[in-house]
Amino acid sequence: MLTNASTDAPNDAAGAKTTATVRSYRLVANEQALAPHTGKKIEVTGTVDSQASAPAGEAPRLLVESGKVIAPTCTD
């Protein structure tokens, strides 16, 4: 589960980048690849799975395509 996630929304009409609401996502990824990075701040790239029907109150799925560590802890 990815919590306190923020996404970059597309540029608005004036070209300014806006930030979307903070959300939680259920990550669909290689667990073995992510496990060593538990507690680190990471940047992941992927697609929100709009085909999956999640029960009410359940986080949407994020299909992870790639990622990188951007800080040694989540608070950095």
C-alpha atoms as a PDB file:
ATOM      1  CA  MET A   1       0.000   0.000   0.000  1.00  0.00           C
ATOM      2  CA  LEU A   2       1.361   3.386  -0.991  1.00  0.00           C
ATOM      3  CA  THR A   3       0.086   6.145   1.289  1.00  0.00           C
ATOM      4  CA  ASN A   4       0.519   9.915   1.271  1.00  0.00           C
ATOM      5  CA  ALA A   5       1.002   9.713  -2.467  1.00  0.00           C
ATOM      6  CA  SER A   6       0.947  12.808  -4.586  1.00  0.00           C
ATOM      7  CA  THR A   7       0.550  12.901  -8.315  1.00  0.00           C
ATOM      8  CA  ASP A   8       1.498  15.530 -10.809  1.00  0.00           C
ATOM      9  CA  ALA A   9      -1.561  16.583 -12.734  1.00  0.00           C
ATOM     10  CA  PRO A  10      -1.171  17.613 -16.374  1.00  0.00           C
ATOM     11  CA  ASN A  11      -0.307  21.235 -17.077  1.00  0.00           C
ATOM     12  CA  ASP A  12      -3.252  23.615 -17.028  1.00  0.00           C
ATOM     13  CA  ALA A  13      -4.183  25.900 -19.943  1.00  0.00           C
ATOM     14  CA  ALA A  14      -1.583  28.492 -18.877  1.00  0.00           C
ATOM     15  CA  GLY A  15       1.147  25.845 -18.766  1.00  0.00           C
ATOM     16  CA  ALA A  16       1.422  25.801 -14.961  1.00  0.00           C
ATOM     17  CA  LYS A  17       1.821  22.405 -13.386  1.00  0.00           C
ATOM     18  CA  THR A  18      -0.732  21.622 -10.689  1.00  0.00           C
ATOM     19  CA  THR A  19      -0.547  18.968  -7.988  1.00  0.00           C
ATOM     20  CA  ALA A  20      -3.452  16.604  -7.469  1.00  0.00           C
ATOM     21  CA  THR A  21      -4.955  15.558  -4.141  1.00  0.00           C
ATOM     22  CA  VAL A  22      -2.921  13.245  -1.901  1.00  0.00           C
ATOM     23  CA  ARG A  23      -4.180   9.668  -2.153  1.00  0.00           C
ATOM     24  CA  SER A  24      -3.449   6.080  -1.263  1.00  0.00           C
ATOM     25  CA  TYR A  25      -2.921   3.381  -3.869  1.00  0.00           C
ATOM     26  CA  ARG A  26      -2.689  -0.393  -3.843  1.00  0.00           C
ATOM     27  CA  LEU A  27       0.535  -1.053  -5.734  1.00  0.00           C
ATOM     28  CA  VAL A  28       0.624  -3.796  -8.332  1.00  0.00           C
ATOM     29  CA  ALA A  29       4.354  -4.387  -8.671  1.00  0.00           C
ATOM     30  CA  ASN A  30       7.171  -6.849  -8.170  1.00  0.00           C
ATOM     31  CA  GLU A  31       7.124  -7.228  -4.369  1.00  0.00           C
ATOM     32  CA  GLN A  32      10.691  -8.552  -4.289  1.00  0.00           C
ATOM     33  CA  ALA A  33      11.941  -5.454  -6.110  1.00  0.00           C
ATOM     34  CA  LEU A  34      10.110  -3.061  -3.759  1.00  0.00           C
ATOM     35  CA  ALA A  35      10.840  -4.840  -0.445  1.00  0.00           C
ATOM     36  CA  PRO A  36      14.395  -3.457  -0.008  1.00  0.00           C
ATOM     37  CA  HIS A  37      12.984   0.074  -0.284  1.00  0.00           C
ATOM     38  CA  THR A  38      10.464  -0.160   2.561  1.00  0.00           C
ATOM     39  CA  GLY A  39      10.583   3.082   4.575  1.00  0.00           C
ATOM     40  CA  LYS A  40      12.383   5.000   1.830  1.00  0.00           C
ATOM     41  CA  LYS A  41      10.871   7.800  -0.216  1.00  0.00           C
ATOM     42  CA  ILE A  42      10.433   6.498  -3.738  1.00  0.00           C
ATOM     43  CA  GLU A  43       9.085   7.816  -6.979  1.00  0.00           C
ATOM     44  CA  VAL A  44       7.066   5.324  -8.992  1.00  0.00           C
ATOM     45  CA  THR A  45       5.695   5.645 -12.477  1.00  0.00           C
ATOM     46  CA  GLY A  46       2.689   3.712 -13.622  1.00  0.00           C
ATOM     47  CA  THR A  47      -0.935   3.742 -14.608  1.00  0.00           C
ATOM     48  CA  VAL A  48      -4.033   3.820 -12.421  1.00  0.00           C
ATOM     49  CA  ASP A  49      -6.026   0.690 -13.225  1.00  0.00           C
ATOM     50  CA  SER A  50      -9.410   2.093 -14.214  1.00  0.00           C
ATOM     51  CA  GLN A  51     -10.622  -1.386 -15.199  1.00  0.00           C
ATOM     52  CA  ALA A  52     -10.468  -2.786 -11.657  1.00  0.00           C
ATOM     53  CA  SER A  53     -13.662  -2.279  -9.720  1.00  0.00           C
ATOM     54  CA  ALA A  54     -12.688  -1.676  -6.104  1.00  0.00           C
ATOM     55  CA  PRO A  55     -15.240  -1.949  -3.309  1.00  0.00           C
ATOM     56  CA  ALA A  56     -16.241   1.343  -1.686  1.00  0.00           C
ATOM     57  CA  GLY A  57     -13.519   2.721   0.555  1.00  0.00           C
ATOM     58  CA  GLU A  58     -10.750   0.652  -1.043  1.00  0.00           C
ATOM     59  CA  ALA A  59      -7.786   2.400  -2.652  1.00  0.00           C
ATOM     60  CA  PRO A  60      -7.428   2.309  -6.456  1.00  0.00           C
ATOM     61  CA  ARG A  61      -4.755   0.080  -7.999  1.00  0.00           C
ATOM     62  CA  LEU A  62      -1.572   1.577  -9.437  1.00  0.00           C
ATOM     63  CA  LEU A  63       0.155  -0.633 -12.009  1.00  0.00           C
ATOM     64  CA  VAL A  64       3.821   0.194 -11.365  1.00  0.00           C
ATOM     65  CA  GLU A  65       6.061   0.362 -14.431  1.00  0.00           C
ATOM     66  CA  SER A  66       9.254   1.780 -12.873  1.00  0.00           C
ATOM     67  CA  GLY A  67      10.587   3.444  -9.757  1.00  0.00           C
ATOM     68  CA  LYS A  68      13.580   5.065  -8.117  1.00  0.00           C
ATOM     69  CA  VAL A  69      14.676   5.999  -4.591  1.00  0.00           C
ATOM     70  CA  ILE A  70      14.653   9.765  -4.054  1.00  0.00           C
ATOM     71  CA  ALA A  71      15.410   9.893  -0.286  1.00  0.00           C
ATOM     72  CA  PRO A  72      16.666   7.441   2.342  1.00  0.00           C
ATOM     73  CA  THR A  73      13.569   7.934   4.548  1.00  0.00           C
ATOM     74  CA  CYS A  74       9.960   8.948   3.987  1.00  0.00           C
ATOM     75  CA  THR A  75      10.432  12.114   6.019  1.00  0.00           C
ATOM     76  CA  ASP A  76      13.218  13.491   3.796  1.00  0.00           C
END
